Amino acid sequence: MVEANSNGDGINRRIHYAKFRTDKAPTPGYSAELISDQIDPANYDDLERHPQNEPENDTLLKIFKRNVSQMANRPFLGTRQQLEQGADGKPRFGEYTW
Protein backbone atom coordinates (compact mmCIF):
# COMPACT_ATOMS: atom_id res chain seq x y z
CA MET A 1 0.00 0.00 0.00
CA VAL A 2 1.34 3.41 -0.91
CA GLU A 3 -0.07 6.59 0.53
CA ALA A 4 -1.70 8.95 -1.94
CA ASN A 5 0.44 12.00 -1.27
CA SER A 6 3.61 13.50 -2.64
CA ASN A 7 5.57 12.63 0.51
CA GLY A 8 5.01 8.90 0.15
CA ASP A 9 5.51 6.74 3.21
CA GLY A 10 9.05 7.90 4.00
CA ILE A 11 10.76 4.66 2.95
CA ASN A 12 13.52 5.01 0.36
CA ARG A 13 13.28 2.13 -2.13
CA ARG A 14 16.12 1.27 -4.48
CA ILE A 15 13.94 -0.54 -7.02
CA HIS A 16 11.83 1.54 -9.39
CA TYR A 17 9.82 0.11 -12.26
CA ALA A 18 7.60 3.01 -13.19
CA LYS A 19 6.64 6.56 -12.36
CA PHE A 20 3.52 8.68 -12.42
CA ARG A 21 3.28 11.13 -15.28
CA THR A 22 3.62 14.74 -14.23
CA ASP A 23 3.38 16.27 -17.70
CA LYS A 24 -0.41 16.10 -17.84
CA ALA A 25 -3.22 16.18 -15.32
CA PRO A 26 -4.94 12.91 -14.48
CA THR A 27 -8.49 12.26 -15.62
CA PRO A 28 -10.88 13.41 -12.86
CA GLY A 29 -11.54 10.55 -10.46
CA TYR A 30 -8.37 8.67 -11.43
CA SER A 31 -4.72 8.72 -10.41
CA ALA A 32 -2.03 10.03 -12.71
CA GLU A 33 -0.97 7.64 -15.47
CA LEU A 34 1.71 5.16 -14.41
CA ILE A 35 4.37 4.56 -17.07
CA SER A 36 7.59 2.56 -17.30
CA ASP A 37 10.65 4.52 -16.23
CA GLN A 38 12.41 3.19 -19.33
CA ILE A 39 10.18 5.07 -21.79
CA ASP A 40 11.44 8.29 -23.33
CA PRO A 41 8.99 11.07 -22.36
CA ALA A 42 8.80 12.05 -26.06
CA ASN A 43 7.02 8.73 -26.67
CA TYR A 44 4.55 8.79 -23.76
CA ASP A 45 1.51 9.43 -25.95
CA ASP A 46 2.62 7.20 -28.84
CA LEU A 47 4.31 4.07 -27.49
CA GLU A 48 4.55 2.66 -31.03
CA ARG A 49 7.37 5.18 -31.60
CA HIS A 50 9.40 3.82 -28.69
CA PRO A 51 12.21 1.74 -30.18
CA GLN A 52 12.24 -1.94 -29.33
CA ASN A 53 15.67 -3.10 -28.26
CA GLU A 54 14.66 -6.73 -28.61
CA PRO A 55 12.08 -7.15 -31.39
CA GLU A 56 11.93 -10.90 -30.71
CA ASN A 57 10.30 -10.16 -27.31
CA ASP A 58 6.97 -9.05 -28.69
CA THR A 59 4.60 -10.67 -26.18
CA LEU A 60 4.26 -10.45 -22.40
CA LEU A 61 5.02 -14.16 -22.08
CA LYS A 62 8.31 -13.79 -24.01
CA ILE A 63 9.29 -10.78 -21.90
CA PHE A 64 8.41 -12.65 -18.68
CA LYS A 65 10.52 -15.66 -19.74
CA ARG A 66 13.43 -13.38 -20.68
CA ASN A 67 13.26 -11.60 -17.32
CA VAL A 68 13.11 -14.88 -15.40
CA SER A 69 16.19 -16.19 -17.23
CA GLN A 70 18.16 -12.95 -16.80
CA MET A 71 17.05 -11.91 -13.31
CA ALA A 72 16.01 -15.10 -11.56
CA ASN A 73 17.49 -14.07 -8.20
CA ARG A 74 16.26 -10.47 -8.06
CA PRO A 75 13.44 -9.45 -5.69
CA PHE A 76 9.92 -9.52 -7.12
CA LEU A 77 6.39 -9.20 -5.68
CA GLY A 78 7.26 -8.50 -2.06
CA THR A 79 5.02 -7.84 0.89
CA ARG A 80 5.17 -5.24 3.66
CA GLN A 81 4.14 -5.73 7.25
CA GLN A 82 1.88 -3.12 8.79
CA LEU A 83 3.79 -1.65 11.72
CA GLU A 84 1.39 0.69 13.49
CA GLN A 85 -0.86 3.62 12.95
CA GLY A 86 0.72 7.01 12.80
CA ALA A 87 -0.44 10.01 14.80
CA ASP A 88 -2.65 10.92 11.84
CA GLY A 89 -4.44 7.56 12.09
CA LYS A 90 -2.98 6.25 8.83
CA PRO A 91 -1.22 2.88 8.81
CA ARG A 92 2.57 2.73 8.53
CA PHE A 93 4.43 -0.06 6.78
CA GLY A 94 7.91 -1.57 7.05
CA GLU A 95 10.41 -2.59 4.40
CA TYR A 96 9.48 -5.09 1.71
CA THR A 97 10.11 -8.77 2.37
CA TRP A 98 10.80 -10.68 -0.82
PDB file of N, CA and C in Angstrom:
ATOM      1  N   MET A   1       0.849  -1.167   0.000  1.00  0.00           N
ATOM      2  CA  MET A   1       0.000   0.000   0.000  1.00  0.00           C
ATOM      3  C   MET A   1       0.896   1.230   0.000  1.00  0.00           C
ATOM      4  N   VAL A   2       0.586   2.171  -0.843  1.00  0.00           N
ATOM      5  CA  VAL A   2       1.337   3.414  -0.910  1.00  0.00           C
ATOM      6  C   VAL A   2       0.376   4.554  -0.650  1.00  0.00           C
ATOM      7  N   GLU A   3       0.778   5.451   0.197  1.00  0.00           N
ATOM      8  CA  GLU A   3      -0.071   6.586   0.525  1.00  0.00           C
ATOM      9  C   GLU A   3      -0.244   7.486  -0.695  1.00  0.00           C
ATOM     10  N   ALA A   4      -1.398   8.076  -0.811  1.00  0.00           N
ATOM     11  CA  ALA A   4      -1.703   8.953  -1.936  1.00  0.00           C
ATOM     12  C   ALA A   4      -1.321  10.391  -1.608  1.00  0.00           C
ATOM     13  N   ASN A   5      -0.034  10.629  -1.452  1.00  0.00           N
ATOM     14  CA  ASN A   5       0.437  11.996  -1.267  1.00  0.00           C
ATOM     15  C   ASN A   5       1.846  12.105  -1.820  1.00  0.00           C
ATOM     16  N   SER A   6       2.314  13.310  -2.019  1.00  0.00           N
ATOM     17  CA  SER A   6       3.615  13.502  -2.644  1.00  0.00           C
ATOM     18  C   SER A   6       4.775  13.132  -1.729  1.00  0.00           C
ATOM     19  N   ASN A   7       4.517  12.990  -0.425  1.00  0.00           N
ATOM     20  CA  ASN A   7       5.573  12.634   0.508  1.00  0.00           C
ATOM     21  C   ASN A   7       5.803  11.135   0.588  1.00  0.00           C
ATOM     22  N   GLY A   8       4.881  10.347   0.079  1.00  0.00           N
ATOM     23  CA  GLY A   8       5.007   8.895   0.152  1.00  0.00           C
ATOM     24  C   GLY A   8       4.944   8.423   1.590  1.00  0.00           C
ATOM     25  N   ASP A   9       5.561   7.292   1.862  1.00  0.00           N
ATOM     26  CA  ASP A   9       5.514   6.737   3.212  1.00  0.00           C
ATOM     27  C   ASP A   9       6.842   6.894   3.944  1.00  0.00           C
ATOM     28  N   GLY A  10       7.783   7.624   3.334  1.00  0.00           N
ATOM     29  CA  GLY A  10       9.046   7.903   3.998  1.00  0.00           C
ATOM     30  C   GLY A  10      10.103   6.819   3.839  1.00  0.00           C
ATOM     31  N   ILE A  11       9.785   5.733   3.143  1.00  0.00           N
ATOM     32  CA  ILE A  11      10.761   4.656   2.950  1.00  0.00           C
ATOM     33  C   ILE A  11      11.435   4.845   1.597  1.00  0.00           C
ATOM     34  N   ASN A  12      12.758   4.864   1.588  1.00  0.00           N
ATOM     35  CA  ASN A  12      13.520   5.005   0.359  1.00  0.00           C
ATOM     36  C   ASN A  12      13.718   3.626  -0.257  1.00  0.00           C
ATOM     37  N   ARG A  13      13.173   3.427  -1.446  1.00  0.00           N
ATOM     38  CA  ARG A  13      13.280   2.128  -2.125  1.00  0.00           C
ATOM     39  C   ARG A  13      14.262   2.236  -3.276  1.00  0.00           C
ATOM     40  N   ARG A  14      15.112   1.236  -3.426  1.00  0.00           N
ATOM     41  CA  ARG A  14      16.121   1.270  -4.479  1.00  0.00           C
ATOM     42  C   ARG A  14      15.627   0.702  -5.797  1.00  0.00           C
ATOM     43  N   ILE A  15      14.465   0.071  -5.806  1.00  0.00           N
ATOM     44  CA  ILE A  15      13.939  -0.545  -7.017  1.00  0.00           C
ATOM     45  C   ILE A  15      12.782   0.297  -7.532  1.00  0.00           C
ATOM     46  N   HIS A  16      12.880   0.754  -8.772  1.00  0.00           N
ATOM     47  CA  HIS A  16      11.826   1.545  -9.387  1.00  0.00           C
ATOM     48  C   HIS A  16      11.516   0.948 -10.751  1.00  0.00           C
ATOM     49  N   TYR A  17      10.249   0.668 -10.989  1.00  0.00           N
ATOM     50  CA  TYR A  17       9.824   0.108 -12.264  1.00  0.00           C
ATOM     51  C   TYR A  17       9.099   1.147 -13.110  1.00  0.00           C
ATOM     52  N   ALA A  18       8.441   2.066 -12.472  1.00  0.00           N
ATOM     53  CA  ALA A  18       7.601   3.010 -13.193  1.00  0.00           C
ATOM     54  C   ALA A  18       7.485   4.301 -12.401  1.00  0.00           C
ATOM     55  N   LYS A  19       6.863   5.278 -13.028  1.00  0.00           N
ATOM     56  CA  LYS A  19       6.642   6.563 -12.363  1.00  0.00           C
ATOM     57  C   LYS A  19       5.307   7.123 -12.830  1.00  0.00           C
ATOM     58  N   PHE A  20       4.753   8.022 -12.038  1.00  0.00           N
ATOM     59  CA  PHE A  20       3.523   8.682 -12.420  1.00  0.00           C
ATOM     60  C   PHE A  20       3.853   9.856 -13.326  1.00  0.00           C
ATOM     61  N   ARG A  21       3.066  10.012 -14.361  1.00  0.00           N
ATOM     62  CA  ARG A  21       3.280  11.128 -15.282  1.00  0.00           C
ATOM     63  C   ARG A  21       2.959  12.441 -14.578  1.00  0.00           C
ATOM     64  N   THR A  22       3.827  13.412 -14.800  1.00  0.00           N
ATOM     65  CA  THR A  22       3.617  14.742 -14.232  1.00  0.00           C
ATOM     66  C   THR A  22       3.415  15.781 -15.331  1.00  0.00           C
ATOM     67  N   ASP A  23       3.485  15.341 -16.589  1.00  0.00           N
ATOM     68  CA  ASP A  23       3.381  16.274 -17.702  1.00  0.00           C
ATOM     69  C   ASP A  23       1.937  16.563 -18.113  1.00  0.00           C
ATOM     70  N   LYS A  24       0.987  15.802 -17.571  1.00  0.00           N
ATOM     71  CA  LYS A  24      -0.414  16.103 -17.844  1.00  0.00           C
ATOM     72  C   LYS A  24      -1.254  15.712 -16.639  1.00  0.00           C
ATOM     73  N   ALA A  25      -2.336  16.420 -16.474  1.00  0.00           N
ATOM     74  CA  ALA A  25      -3.217  16.182 -15.319  1.00  0.00           C
ATOM     75  C   ALA A  25      -3.949  14.849 -15.485  1.00  0.00           C
ATOM     76  N   PRO A  26      -4.176  14.152 -14.388  1.00  0.00           N
ATOM     77  CA  PRO A  26      -4.944  12.907 -14.477  1.00  0.00           C
ATOM     78  C   PRO A  26      -6.407  13.184 -14.814  1.00  0.00           C
ATOM     79  N   THR A  27      -7.061  12.185 -15.361  1.00  0.00           N
ATOM     80  CA  THR A  27      -8.492  12.262 -15.615  1.00  0.00           C
ATOM     81  C   THR A  27      -9.207  12.389 -14.265  1.00  0.00           C
ATOM     82  N   PRO A  28     -10.174  13.269 -14.141  1.00  0.00           N
ATOM     83  CA  PRO A  28     -10.880  13.409 -12.859  1.00  0.00           C
ATOM     84  C   PRO A  28     -11.389  12.056 -12.346  1.00  0.00           C
ATOM     85  N   GLY A  29     -11.117  11.800 -11.075  1.00  0.00           N
ATOM     86  CA  GLY A  29     -11.542  10.546 -10.458  1.00  0.00           C
ATOM     87  C   GLY A  29     -10.519   9.431 -10.565  1.00  0.00           C
ATOM     88  N   TYR A  30      -9.402   9.680 -11.238  1.00  0.00           N
ATOM     89  CA  TYR A  30      -8.366   8.670 -11.429  1.00  0.00           C
ATOM     90  C   TYR A  30      -7.014   9.211 -10.983  1.00  0.00           C
ATOM     91  N   SER A  31      -6.075   8.299 -10.728  1.00  0.00           N
ATOM     92  CA  SER A  31      -4.717   8.725 -10.405  1.00  0.00           C
ATOM     93  C   SER A  31      -4.009   9.122 -11.692  1.00  0.00           C
ATOM     94  N   ALA A  32      -2.844   9.711 -11.538  1.00  0.00           N
ATOM     95  CA  ALA A  32      -2.033  10.034 -12.707  1.00  0.00           C
ATOM     96  C   ALA A  32      -1.631   8.732 -13.396  1.00  0.00           C
ATOM     97  N   GLU A  33      -1.355   8.819 -14.677  1.00  0.00           N
ATOM     98  CA  GLU A  33      -0.975   7.643 -15.466  1.00  0.00           C
ATOM     99  C   GLU A  33       0.382   7.116 -14.994  1.00  0.00           C
ATOM    100  N   LEU A  34       0.471   5.822 -14.812  1.00  0.00           N
ATOM    101  CA  LEU A  34       1.710   5.162 -14.412  1.00  0.00           C
ATOM    102  C   LEU A  34       2.382   4.632 -15.674  1.00  0.00           C
ATOM    103  N   ILE A  35       3.665   4.953 -15.855  1.00  0.00           N
ATOM    104  CA  ILE A  35       4.366   4.561 -17.071  1.00  0.00           C
ATOM    105  C   ILE A  35       5.758   4.060 -16.728  1.00  0.00           C
ATOM    106  N   SER A  36       6.254   3.136 -17.518  1.00  0.00           N
ATOM    107  CA  SER A  36       7.586   2.565 -17.301  1.00  0.00           C
ATOM    108  C   SER A  36       8.630   3.669 -17.229  1.00  0.00           C
ATOM    109  N   ASP A  37       9.591   3.517 -16.330  1.00  0.00           N
ATOM    110  CA  ASP A  37      10.648   4.521 -16.233  1.00  0.00           C
ATOM    111  C   ASP A  37      11.695   4.354 -17.328  1.00  0.00           C
ATOM    112  N   GLN A  38      11.493   3.396 -18.221  1.00  0.00           N
ATOM    113  CA  GLN A  38      12.415   3.189 -19.334  1.00  0.00           C
ATOM    114  C   GLN A  38      11.916   3.811 -20.631  1.00  0.00           C
ATOM    115  N   ILE A  39      10.756   4.452 -20.604  1.00  0.00           N
ATOM    116  CA  ILE A  39      10.177   5.067 -21.795  1.00  0.00           C
ATOM    117  C   ILE A  39      10.630   6.517 -21.892  1.00  0.00           C
ATOM    118  N   ASP A  40      11.068   6.906 -23.073  1.00  0.00           N
ATOM    119  CA  ASP A  40      11.439   8.292 -23.333  1.00  0.00           C
ATOM    120  C   ASP A  40      10.167   9.142 -23.259  1.00  0.00           C
ATOM    121  N   PRO A  41      10.184  10.225 -22.481  1.00  0.00           N
ATOM    122  CA  PRO A  41       8.988  11.071 -22.364  1.00  0.00           C
ATOM    123  C   PRO A  41       8.437  11.541 -23.713  1.00  0.00           C
ATOM    124  N   ALA A  42       9.271  11.646 -24.730  1.00  0.00           N
ATOM    125  CA  ALA A  42       8.802  12.052 -26.060  1.00  0.00           C
ATOM    126  C   ALA A  42       7.838  11.025 -26.651  1.00  0.00           C
ATOM    127  N   ASN A  43       7.863   9.798 -26.138  1.00  0.00           N
ATOM    128  CA  ASN A  43       7.016   8.734 -26.674  1.00  0.00           C
ATOM    129  C   ASN A  43       5.843   8.379 -25.765  1.00  0.00           C
ATOM    130  N   TYR A  44       5.613   9.121 -24.708  1.00  0.00           N
ATOM    131  CA  TYR A  44       4.551   8.791 -23.760  1.00  0.00           C
ATOM    132  C   TYR A  44       3.189   8.602 -24.436  1.00  0.00           C
ATOM    133  N   ASP A  45       2.841   9.488 -25.344  1.00  0.00           N
ATOM    134  CA  ASP A  45       1.515   9.433 -25.951  1.00  0.00           C
ATOM    135  C   ASP A  45       1.474   8.629 -27.245  1.00  0.00           C
ATOM    136  N   ASP A  46       2.582   8.054 -27.648  1.00  0.00           N
ATOM    137  CA  ASP A  46       2.624   7.204 -28.843  1.00  0.00           C
ATOM    138  C   ASP A  46       3.690   6.131 -28.625  1.00  0.00           C
ATOM    139  N   LEU A  47       3.338   5.107 -27.858  1.00  0.00           N
ATOM    140  CA  LEU A  47       4.310   4.066 -27.492  1.00  0.00           C
ATOM    141  C   LEU A  47       4.803   3.276 -28.688  1.00  0.00           C
ATOM    142  N   GLU A  48       4.091   3.347 -29.811  1.00  0.00           N
ATOM    143  CA  GLU A  48       4.554   2.664 -31.027  1.00  0.00           C
ATOM    144  C   GLU A  48       5.873   3.266 -31.526  1.00  0.00           C
ATOM    145  N   ARG A  49       6.118   4.530 -31.187  1.00  0.00           N
ATOM    146  CA  ARG A  49       7.373   5.181 -31.604  1.00  0.00           C
ATOM    147  C   ARG A  49       8.562   4.742 -30.762  1.00  0.00           C
ATOM    148  N   HIS A  50       8.302   4.227 -29.572  1.00  0.00           N
ATOM    149  CA  HIS A  50       9.399   3.817 -28.693  1.00  0.00           C
ATOM    150  C   HIS A  50      10.148   2.654 -29.329  1.00  0.00           C
ATOM    151  N   PRO A  51      11.454   2.809 -29.515  1.00  0.00           N
ATOM    152  CA  PRO A  51      12.207   1.737 -30.176  1.00  0.00           C
ATOM    153  C   PRO A  51      12.251   0.461 -29.332  1.00  0.00           C
ATOM    154  N   GLN A  52      12.129  -0.658 -30.006  1.00  0.00           N
ATOM    155  CA  GLN A  52      12.242  -1.945 -29.331  1.00  0.00           C
ATOM    156  C   GLN A  52      13.688  -2.393 -29.423  1.00  0.00           C
ATOM    157  N   ASN A  53      14.298  -2.628 -28.275  1.00  0.00           N
ATOM    158  CA  ASN A  53      15.672  -3.099 -28.262  1.00  0.00           C
ATOM    159  C   ASN A  53      15.760  -4.573 -28.625  1.00  0.00           C
ATOM    160  N   GLU A  54      14.694  -5.289 -28.359  1.00  0.00           N
ATOM    161  CA  GLU A  54      14.663  -6.725 -28.612  1.00  0.00           C
ATOM    162  C   GLU A  54      13.368  -7.070 -29.333  1.00  0.00           C
ATOM    163  N   PRO A  55      13.321  -6.913 -30.654  1.00  0.00           N
ATOM    164  CA  PRO A  55      12.076  -7.150 -31.385  1.00  0.00           C
ATOM    165  C   PRO A  55      11.534  -8.570 -31.232  1.00  0.00           C
ATOM    166  N   GLU A  56      12.391  -9.522 -30.882  1.00  0.00           N
ATOM    167  CA  GLU A  56      11.926 -10.902 -30.710  1.00  0.00           C
ATOM    168  C   GLU A  56      11.046 -11.063 -29.461  1.00  0.00           C
ATOM    169  N   ASN A  57      11.132 -10.120 -28.530  1.00  0.00           N
ATOM    170  CA  ASN A  57      10.304 -10.162 -27.314  1.00  0.00           C
ATOM    171  C   ASN A  57       9.068  -9.296 -27.525  1.00  0.00           C
ATOM    172  N   ASP A  58       8.139  -9.829 -28.295  1.00  0.00           N
ATOM    173  CA  ASP A  58       6.966  -9.050 -28.691  1.00  0.00           C
ATOM    174  C   ASP A  58       5.679  -9.461 -27.980  1.00  0.00           C
ATOM    175  N   THR A  59       5.771 -10.320 -26.974  1.00  0.00           N
ATOM    176  CA  THR A  59       4.598 -10.669 -26.177  1.00  0.00           C
ATOM    177  C   THR A  59       4.977 -10.615 -24.701  1.00  0.00           C
ATOM    178  N   LEU A  60       3.977 -10.490 -23.835  1.00  0.00           N
ATOM    179  CA  LEU A  60       4.261 -10.455 -22.399  1.00  0.00           C
ATOM    180  C   LEU A  60       4.885 -11.763 -21.923  1.00  0.00           C
ATOM    181  N   LEU A  61       4.456 -12.882 -22.482  1.00  0.00           N
ATOM    182  CA  LEU A  61       5.024 -14.162 -22.081  1.00  0.00           C
ATOM    183  C   LEU A  61       6.513 -14.232 -22.433  1.00  0.00           C
ATOM    184  N   LYS A  62       6.888 -13.780 -23.608  1.00  0.00           N
ATOM    185  CA  LYS A  62       8.307 -13.787 -24.009  1.00  0.00           C
ATOM    186  C   LYS A  62       9.128 -12.861 -23.102  1.00  0.00           C
ATOM    187  N   ILE A  63       8.580 -11.710 -22.780  1.00  0.00           N
ATOM    188  CA  ILE A  63       9.286 -10.779 -21.896  1.00  0.00           C
ATOM    189  C   ILE A  63       9.427 -11.379 -20.505  1.00  0.00           C
ATOM    190  N   PHE A  64       8.356 -12.005 -19.997  1.00  0.00           N
ATOM    191  CA  PHE A  64       8.412 -12.647 -18.684  1.00  0.00           C
ATOM    192  C   PHE A  64       9.490 -13.733 -18.670  1.00  0.00           C
ATOM    193  N   LYS A  65       9.511 -14.593 -19.680  1.00  0.00           N
ATOM    194  CA  LYS A  65      10.515 -15.662 -19.738  1.00  0.00           C
ATOM    195  C   LYS A  65      11.934 -15.096 -19.826  1.00  0.00           C
ATOM    196  N   ARG A  66      12.117 -14.018 -20.593  1.00  0.00           N
ATOM    197  CA  ARG A  66      13.431 -13.377 -20.675  1.00  0.00           C
ATOM    198  C   ARG A  66      13.855 -12.846 -19.314  1.00  0.00           C
ATOM    199  N   ASN A  67      12.927 -12.166 -18.624  1.00  0.00           N
ATOM    200  CA  ASN A  67      13.261 -11.602 -17.320  1.00  0.00           C
ATOM    201  C   ASN A  67      13.574 -12.682 -16.296  1.00  0.00           C
ATOM    202  N   VAL A  68      12.838 -13.781 -16.320  1.00  0.00           N
ATOM    203  CA  VAL A  68      13.113 -14.885 -15.401  1.00  0.00           C
ATOM    204  C   VAL A  68      14.504 -15.450 -15.663  1.00  0.00           C
ATOM    205  N   SER A  69      14.871 -15.612 -16.924  1.00  0.00           N
ATOM    206  CA  SER A  69      16.192 -16.191 -17.227  1.00  0.00           C
ATOM    207  C   SER A  69      17.329 -15.226 -16.895  1.00  0.00           C
ATOM    208  N   GLN A  70      17.099 -13.927 -17.038  1.00  0.00           N
ATOM    209  CA  GLN A  70      18.159 -12.946 -16.797  1.00  0.00           C
ATOM    210  C   GLN A  70      18.223 -12.454 -15.357  1.00  0.00           C
ATOM    211  N   MET A  71      17.102 -12.505 -14.644  1.00  0.00           N
ATOM    212  CA  MET A  71      17.053 -11.905 -13.310  1.00  0.00           C
ATOM    213  C   MET A  71      16.382 -12.836 -12.304  1.00  0.00           C
ATOM    214  N   ALA A  72      16.694 -14.097 -12.388  1.00  0.00           N
ATOM    215  CA  ALA A  72      16.013 -15.103 -11.563  1.00  0.00           C
ATOM    216  C   ALA A  72      16.161 -14.858 -10.064  1.00  0.00           C
ATOM    217  N   ASN A  73      17.237 -14.246  -9.626  1.00  0.00           N
ATOM    218  CA  ASN A  73      17.486 -14.074  -8.198  1.00  0.00           C
ATOM    219  C   ASN A  73      17.200 -12.670  -7.682  1.00  0.00           C
ATOM    220  N   ARG A  74      16.586 -11.832  -8.503  1.00  0.00           N
ATOM    221  CA  ARG A  74      16.258 -10.472  -8.062  1.00  0.00           C
ATOM    222  C   ARG A  74      14.921 -10.451  -7.357  1.00  0.00           C
ATOM    223  N   PRO A  75      14.703  -9.517  -6.432  1.00  0.00           N
ATOM    224  CA  PRO A  75      13.442  -9.453  -5.693  1.00  0.00           C
ATOM    225  C   PRO A  75      12.271  -9.116  -6.613  1.00  0.00           C
ATOM    226  N   PHE A  76      11.109  -9.732  -6.310  1.00  0.00           N
ATOM    227  CA  PHE A  76       9.918  -9.524  -7.115  1.00  0.00           C
ATOM    228  C   PHE A  76       8.686  -9.837  -6.279  1.00  0.00           C
ATOM    229  N   LEU A  77       7.675  -8.999  -6.368  1.00  0.00           N
ATOM    230  CA  LEU A  77       6.394  -9.199  -5.683  1.00  0.00           C
ATOM    231  C   LEU A  77       6.549  -9.413  -4.181  1.00  0.00           C
ATOM    232  N   GLY A  78       7.087  -8.427  -3.505  1.00  0.00           N
ATOM    233  CA  GLY A  78       7.261  -8.505  -2.063  1.00  0.00           C
ATOM    234  C   GLY A  78       6.006  -8.126  -1.303  1.00  0.00           C
ATOM    235  N   THR A  79       6.087  -8.253   0.002  1.00  0.00           N
ATOM    236  CA  THR A  79       5.017  -7.836   0.895  1.00  0.00           C
ATOM    237  C   THR A  79       5.599  -6.924   1.962  1.00  0.00           C
ATOM    238  N   ARG A  80       4.734  -6.135   2.592  1.00  0.00           N
ATOM    239  CA  ARG A  80       5.171  -5.238   3.661  1.00  0.00           C
ATOM    240  C   ARG A  80       4.285  -5.466   4.866  1.00  0.00           C
ATOM    241  N   GLN A  81       4.890  -5.564   6.002  1.00  0.00           N
ATOM    242  CA  GLN A  81       4.142  -5.731   7.246  1.00  0.00           C
ATOM    243  C   GLN A  81       3.649  -4.372   7.735  1.00  0.00           C
ATOM    244  N   GLN A  82       2.395  -4.349   8.190  1.00  0.00           N
ATOM    245  CA  GLN A  82       1.885  -3.123   8.790  1.00  0.00           C
ATOM    246  C   GLN A  82       2.489  -2.999  10.174  1.00  0.00           C
ATOM    247  N   LEU A  83       3.108  -1.854  10.456  1.00  0.00           N
ATOM    248  CA  LEU A  83       3.791  -1.650  11.722  1.00  0.00           C
ATOM    249  C   LEU A  83       2.845  -1.109  12.789  1.00  0.00           C
ATOM    250  N   GLU A  84       2.248   0.012  12.512  1.00  0.00           N
ATOM    251  CA  GLU A  84       1.394   0.692  13.489  1.00  0.00           C
ATOM    252  C   GLU A  84       0.651   1.797  12.776  1.00  0.00           C
ATOM    253  N   GLN A  85      -0.209   2.440  13.500  1.00  0.00           N
ATOM    254  CA  GLN A  85      -0.858   3.618  12.947  1.00  0.00           C
ATOM    255  C   GLN A  85      -0.088   4.843  13.387  1.00  0.00           C
ATOM    256  N   GLY A  86       0.046   5.777  12.472  1.00  0.00           N
ATOM    257  CA  GLY A  86       0.717   7.014  12.801  1.00  0.00           C
ATOM    258  C   GLY A  86      -0.194   7.924  13.605  1.00  0.00           C
ATOM    259  N   ALA A  87       0.338   9.053  14.020  1.00  0.00           N
ATOM    260  CA  ALA A  87      -0.437  10.012  14.799  1.00  0.00           C
ATOM    261  C   ALA A  87      -1.647  10.518  14.020  1.00  0.00           C
ATOM    262  N   ASP A  88      -1.543  10.477  12.688  1.00  0.00           N
ATOM    263  CA  ASP A  88      -2.651  10.923  11.843  1.00  0.00           C
ATOM    264  C   ASP A  88      -3.691   9.828  11.617  1.00  0.00           C
ATOM    265  N   GLY A  89      -3.492   8.650  12.221  1.00  0.00           N
ATOM    266  CA  GLY A  89      -4.443   7.558  12.087  1.00  0.00           C
ATOM    267  C   GLY A  89      -4.223   6.681  10.871  1.00  0.00           C
ATOM    268  N   LYS A  90      -3.259   7.037  10.029  1.00  0.00           N
ATOM    269  CA  LYS A  90      -2.978   6.251   8.831  1.00  0.00           C
ATOM    270  C   LYS A  90      -1.999   5.128   9.169  1.00  0.00           C
ATOM    271  N   PRO A  91      -2.143   3.982   8.530  1.00  0.00           N
ATOM    272  CA  PRO A  91      -1.219   2.876   8.809  1.00  0.00           C
ATOM    273  C   PRO A  91       0.180   3.186   8.295  1.00  0.00           C
ATOM    274  N   ARG A  92       1.168   2.621   8.940  1.00  0.00           N
ATOM    275  CA  ARG A  92       2.571   2.727   8.527  1.00  0.00           C
ATOM    276  C   ARG A  92       3.056   1.323   8.202  1.00  0.00           C
ATOM    277  N   PHE A  93       3.948   1.239   7.236  1.00  0.00           N
ATOM    278  CA  PHE A  93       4.427  -0.055   6.779  1.00  0.00           C
ATOM    279  C   PHE A  93       5.942  -0.123   6.823  1.00  0.00           C
ATOM    280  N   GLY A  94       6.468  -1.343   7.008  1.00  0.00           N
ATOM    281  CA  GLY A  94       7.906  -1.570   7.055  1.00  0.00           C
ATOM    282  C   GLY A  94       8.478  -1.830   5.672  1.00  0.00           C
ATOM    283  N   GLU A  95       9.716  -2.276   5.657  1.00  0.00           N
ATOM    284  CA  GLU A  95      10.409  -2.586   4.403  1.00  0.00           C
ATOM    285  C   GLU A  95       9.758  -3.796   3.728  1.00  0.00           C
ATOM    286  N   TYR A  96       9.988  -3.919   2.430  1.00  0.00           N
ATOM    287  CA  TYR A  96       9.483  -5.087   1.710  1.00  0.00           C
ATOM    288  C   TYR A  96      10.236  -6.343   2.125  1.00  0.00           C
ATOM    289  N   THR A  97       9.529  -7.457   2.177  1.00  0.00           N
ATOM    290  CA  THR A  97      10.109  -8.768   2.372  1.00  0.00           C
ATOM    291  C   THR A  97       9.864  -9.528   1.075  1.00  0.00           C
ATOM    292  N   TRP A  98      10.922 -10.030   0.487  1.00  0.00           N
ATOM    293  CA  TRP A  98      10.795 -10.681  -0.820  1.00  0.00           C
ATOM    294  C   TRP A  98      10.615 -12.170  -0.650  1.00  0.00           C
TER     295      TRP A  98
END
